[in-house]
């Protein structure tokens, strides 16, 4: 009659395989976290860039509106002055 032999090495091999698998899972998780951080940083940079562009565009529009208003005021004064001078010359 054959007596089943125990294989102590097979237990060790299984433990090694599980340890390697656990290590690979940890490395993969770390890689995914780094990738997520990079994507988040990239997104924040793009948002900041777009916010800066929007702020600059609004600032430019405001300056243009102020310049237009001042120019129109200046033209209005200029025209009124000319009319006043033309009436006084009579």
N, C-alpha and C. Protein backbone atom coordinates (compact mmCIF):
# COMPACT_ATOMS: atom_id res chain seq x y z
N UNK A 1 0.83 -1.16 0.00
CA UNK A 1 0.00 0.00 0.00
C UNK A 1 0.88 1.24 0.00
N UNK A 2 0.48 2.20 -0.84
CA UNK A 2 1.26 3.43 -0.95
C UNK A 2 0.75 4.46 0.04
N UNK A 3 1.66 5.07 0.71
CA UNK A 3 1.31 6.14 1.65
C UNK A 3 1.53 7.47 0.94
N UNK A 4 0.52 8.31 0.93
CA UNK A 4 0.71 9.59 0.25
C UNK A 4 1.79 10.40 0.93
N UNK A 5 2.66 10.92 0.11
CA UNK A 5 3.75 11.75 0.64
C UNK A 5 3.28 13.20 0.74
N UNK A 6 3.74 13.88 1.71
CA UNK A 6 3.44 15.31 1.79
C UNK A 6 4.51 16.05 1.00
N UNK A 7 4.14 17.13 0.41
CA UNK A 7 5.07 17.91 -0.40
C UNK A 7 5.28 19.28 0.25
N UNK A 8 6.22 19.34 1.17
CA UNK A 8 6.45 20.62 1.84
C UNK A 8 6.89 21.71 0.87
N UNK A 9 7.58 21.32 -0.20
CA UNK A 9 8.03 22.31 -1.17
C UNK A 9 6.87 22.94 -1.92
N UNK A 10 5.80 22.19 -2.13
CA UNK A 10 4.66 22.74 -2.87
C UNK A 10 3.99 23.87 -2.08
N UNK A 11 3.95 23.75 -0.76
CA UNK A 11 3.41 24.82 0.07
C UNK A 11 4.26 26.08 -0.05
N UNK A 12 5.56 25.88 -0.02
CA UNK A 12 6.49 27.00 -0.14
C UNK A 12 6.32 27.67 -1.50
N UNK A 13 6.20 26.86 -2.54
CA UNK A 13 6.03 27.37 -3.89
C UNK A 13 4.73 28.18 -4.01
N UNK A 14 3.67 27.69 -3.39
CA UNK A 14 2.39 28.40 -3.41
C UNK A 14 2.51 29.74 -2.69
N UNK A 15 3.21 29.74 -1.57
CA UNK A 15 3.41 30.98 -0.82
C UNK A 15 4.22 31.99 -1.64
N UNK A 16 5.24 31.49 -2.33
CA UNK A 16 6.05 32.37 -3.18
C UNK A 16 5.19 32.97 -4.29
N UNK A 17 4.38 32.13 -4.91
CA UNK A 17 3.52 32.60 -6.00
C UNK A 17 2.54 33.65 -5.49
N UNK A 18 1.95 33.40 -4.34
CA UNK A 18 1.01 34.37 -3.76
C UNK A 18 1.72 35.67 -3.41
N UNK A 19 2.93 35.58 -2.87
CA UNK A 19 3.70 36.78 -2.53
C UNK A 19 4.02 37.58 -3.79
N UNK A 20 4.44 36.88 -4.84
CA UNK A 20 4.75 37.57 -6.10
C UNK A 20 3.51 38.24 -6.67
N UNK A 21 2.39 37.54 -6.60
CA UNK A 21 1.14 38.10 -7.10
C UNK A 21 0.73 39.33 -6.30
N UNK A 22 0.85 39.25 -4.98
CA UNK A 22 0.52 40.38 -4.12
C UNK A 22 1.43 41.57 -4.43
N UNK A 23 2.71 41.31 -4.66
CA UNK A 23 3.66 42.36 -4.99
C UNK A 23 3.29 43.02 -6.33
N UNK A 24 2.93 42.20 -7.31
CA UNK A 24 2.52 42.75 -8.61
C UNK A 24 1.26 43.60 -8.49
N UNK A 25 0.33 43.16 -7.66
CA UNK A 25 -0.90 43.94 -7.44
C UNK A 25 -0.57 45.28 -6.80
N UNK A 26 0.33 45.27 -5.83
CA UNK A 26 0.73 46.53 -5.17
C UNK A 26 1.41 47.47 -6.15
N UNK A 27 2.30 46.92 -6.98
CA UNK A 27 2.99 47.75 -7.98
C UNK A 27 2.00 48.34 -8.97
N UNK A 28 1.05 47.53 -9.40
CA UNK A 28 0.03 48.00 -10.34
C UNK A 28 -0.81 49.11 -9.71
N UNK A 29 -1.20 48.91 -8.46
CA UNK A 29 -2.00 49.93 -7.76
C UNK A 29 -1.21 51.23 -7.63
N UNK A 30 0.08 51.12 -7.30
CA UNK A 30 0.93 52.32 -7.18
C UNK A 30 1.04 53.03 -8.53
N UNK A 31 1.21 52.26 -9.60
CA UNK A 31 1.30 52.83 -10.94
C UNK A 31 0.01 53.55 -11.32
N UNK A 32 -1.12 52.94 -11.00
CA UNK A 32 -2.41 53.56 -11.30
C UNK A 32 -2.62 54.85 -10.51
N UNK A 33 -2.18 54.85 -9.27
CA UNK A 33 -2.30 56.06 -8.44
C UNK A 33 -1.44 57.17 -9.02
N UNK A 34 -0.19 56.84 -9.43
CA UNK A 34 0.68 57.85 -10.05
C UNK A 34 0.06 58.39 -11.32
N UNK A 35 -0.50 57.51 -12.13
CA UNK A 35 -1.14 57.92 -13.38
C UNK A 35 -2.33 58.84 -13.10
N UNK A 36 -3.11 58.49 -12.09
CA UNK A 36 -4.26 59.31 -11.72
C UNK A 36 -3.80 60.70 -11.27
N UNK A 37 -2.71 60.74 -10.49
CA UNK A 37 -2.18 62.02 -10.03
C UNK A 37 -1.72 62.87 -11.21
N UNK A 38 -1.05 62.23 -12.18
CA UNK A 38 -0.60 62.96 -13.36
C UNK A 38 -1.78 63.52 -14.14
N UNK A 39 -2.82 62.71 -14.30
CA UNK A 39 -4.00 63.17 -15.03
C UNK A 39 -4.69 64.32 -14.30
N UNK A 40 -4.75 64.22 -12.98
CA UNK A 40 -5.38 65.27 -12.19
C UNK A 40 -4.58 66.56 -12.29
N UNK A 41 -3.25 66.45 -12.23
CA UNK A 41 -2.40 67.62 -12.37
C UNK A 41 -2.58 68.25 -13.74
N UNK A 42 -2.63 67.42 -14.76
CA UNK A 42 -2.83 67.91 -16.13
C UNK A 42 -4.17 68.63 -16.25
N UNK A 43 -5.20 68.06 -15.67
CA UNK A 43 -6.52 68.68 -15.71
C UNK A 43 -6.51 70.03 -14.99
N UNK A 44 -5.84 70.08 -13.84
CA UNK A 44 -5.77 71.34 -13.09
C UNK A 44 -5.03 72.40 -13.90
N UNK A 45 -3.96 71.99 -14.59
CA UNK A 45 -3.21 72.94 -15.41
C UNK A 45 -4.08 73.47 -16.54
N UNK A 46 -4.84 72.56 -17.19
CA UNK A 46 -5.72 73.01 -18.27
C UNK A 46 -6.80 73.94 -17.76
N UNK A 47 -7.39 73.61 -16.62
CA UNK A 47 -8.42 74.49 -16.04
C UNK A 47 -7.83 75.86 -15.73
N UNK A 48 -6.64 75.86 -15.14
CA UNK A 48 -5.98 77.12 -14.81
C UNK A 48 -5.69 77.92 -16.07
N UNK A 49 -5.22 77.24 -17.11
CA UNK A 49 -4.91 77.89 -18.37
C UNK A 49 -6.17 78.51 -18.98
N UNK A 50 -7.27 77.74 -18.97
CA UNK A 50 -8.53 78.25 -19.53
C UNK A 50 -9.06 79.41 -18.68
N UNK A 51 -8.91 79.31 -17.38
CA UNK A 51 -9.37 80.40 -16.50
C UNK A 51 -8.55 81.66 -16.77
N UNK A 52 -7.25 81.50 -16.96
CA UNK A 52 -6.39 82.64 -17.27
C UNK A 52 -6.78 83.25 -18.60
N UNK A 53 -7.02 82.40 -19.60
CA UNK A 53 -7.42 82.91 -20.91
C UNK A 53 -8.75 83.66 -20.83
N UNK A 54 -9.70 83.10 -20.08
CA UNK A 54 -10.99 83.75 -19.92
C UNK A 54 -10.83 85.09 -19.21
N UNK A 55 -10.02 85.09 -18.16
CA UNK A 55 -9.78 86.32 -17.42
C UNK A 55 -9.13 87.37 -18.32
N UNK A 56 -8.17 86.95 -19.13
CA UNK A 56 -7.49 87.87 -20.05
C UNK A 56 -8.48 88.40 -21.09
N UNK A 57 -9.33 87.51 -21.62
CA UNK A 57 -10.31 87.93 -22.62
C UNK A 57 -11.29 88.95 -22.02
N UNK A 58 -11.74 88.70 -20.80
CA UNK A 58 -12.66 89.63 -20.14
C UNK A 58 -11.97 90.97 -19.88
N UNK A 59 -10.72 90.91 -19.46
CA UNK A 59 -9.95 92.13 -19.22
C UNK A 59 -9.80 92.92 -20.51
N UNK A 60 -9.45 92.24 -21.60
CA UNK A 60 -9.29 92.89 -22.90
C UNK A 60 -10.61 93.53 -23.34
N UNK A 61 -11.71 92.81 -23.15
CA UNK A 61 -13.03 93.33 -23.54
C UNK A 61 -13.37 94.56 -22.71
N UNK A 62 -13.07 94.52 -21.42
CA UNK A 62 -13.33 95.66 -20.55
C UNK A 62 -12.53 96.88 -21.00
N UNK A 63 -11.25 96.68 -21.28
CA UNK A 63 -10.39 97.78 -21.74
C UNK A 63 -10.92 98.34 -23.06
N UNK A 64 -11.34 97.46 -23.97
CA UNK A 64 -11.88 97.91 -25.25
C UNK A 64 -13.16 98.73 -25.05
N UNK A 65 -14.02 98.27 -24.14
CA UNK A 65 -15.26 99.01 -23.86
C UNK A 65 -14.97 100.38 -23.24
N UNK A 66 -14.02 100.41 -22.32
CA UNK A 66 -13.64 101.69 -21.69
C UNK A 66 -13.07 102.63 -22.75
N UNK A 67 -12.19 102.09 -23.59
CA UNK A 67 -11.58 102.92 -24.64
C UNK A 67 -12.65 103.46 -25.58
N UNK A 68 -13.59 102.62 -25.96
CA UNK A 68 -14.67 103.03 -26.87
C UNK A 68 -15.52 104.12 -26.22
N UNK A 69 -15.87 103.91 -24.95
CA UNK A 69 -16.68 104.89 -24.23
C UNK A 69 -15.95 106.23 -24.12
N UNK A 70 -14.68 106.18 -23.77
CA UNK A 70 -13.89 107.41 -23.65
C UNK A 70 -13.75 108.10 -25.00
N UNK A 71 -13.56 107.31 -26.04
CA UNK A 71 -13.43 107.86 -27.39
C UNK A 71 -14.73 108.55 -27.80
N UNK A 72 -15.86 107.88 -27.51
CA UNK A 72 -17.16 108.48 -27.85
C UNK A 72 -17.40 109.76 -27.05
N UNK A 73 -17.00 109.75 -25.77
CA UNK A 73 -17.13 110.96 -24.95
C UNK A 73 -16.27 112.08 -25.54
N UNK A 74 -15.05 111.70 -25.93
CA UNK A 74 -14.13 112.68 -26.49
C UNK A 74 -14.70 113.26 -27.78
N UNK A 75 -15.23 112.40 -28.64
CA UNK A 75 -15.83 112.87 -29.89
C UNK A 75 -17.03 113.77 -29.60
N UNK A 76 -17.81 113.41 -28.63
CA UNK A 76 -18.98 114.22 -28.27
C UNK A 76 -18.57 115.60 -27.80
N UNK A 77 -17.55 115.69 -26.96
CA UNK A 77 -17.04 116.98 -26.50
C UNK A 77 -16.45 117.77 -27.65
N UNK A 78 -15.73 117.08 -28.50
CA UNK A 78 -15.10 117.72 -29.64
C UNK A 78 -16.16 118.33 -30.56
N UNK A 79 -17.22 117.57 -30.82
CA UNK A 79 -18.27 118.07 -31.69
C UNK A 79 -19.01 119.23 -31.04
N UNK A 80 -19.28 119.15 -29.77
CA UNK A 80 -19.96 120.24 -29.06
C UNK A 80 -19.09 121.48 -29.06
N UNK A 81 -17.81 121.35 -28.89
CA UNK A 81 -16.88 122.48 -28.89
C UNK A 81 -16.87 123.13 -30.26
N UNK A 82 -16.84 122.32 -31.30
CA UNK A 82 -16.86 122.87 -32.66
C UNK A 82 -18.15 123.63 -32.91
N UNK A 83 -19.27 123.11 -32.48
CA UNK A 83 -20.55 123.78 -32.67
C UNK A 83 -20.58 125.10 -31.90
N UNK A 84 -20.02 125.06 -30.69
CA UNK A 84 -19.99 126.27 -29.88
C UNK A 84 -19.14 127.34 -30.56
N UNK A 85 -17.97 126.93 -31.07
CA UNK A 85 -17.08 127.88 -31.73
C UNK A 85 -17.71 128.42 -33.01
N UNK A 86 -18.40 127.59 -33.75
CA UNK A 86 -19.01 128.06 -35.00
C UNK A 86 -20.14 129.04 -34.73
N UNK A 87 -20.87 128.87 -33.61
CA UNK A 87 -21.94 129.81 -33.26
C UNK A 87 -21.36 131.13 -32.76
N UNK A 88 -20.27 131.10 -32.03
CA UNK A 88 -19.70 132.32 -31.48
C UNK A 88 -18.99 133.14 -32.56
N UNK A 89 -18.58 132.50 -33.64
CA UNK A 89 -17.89 133.21 -34.72
C UNK A 89 -18.87 134.04 -35.53
N UNK A 90 -20.14 133.79 -35.44
CA UNK A 90 -21.14 134.53 -36.23
C UNK A 90 -21.29 135.91 -35.77
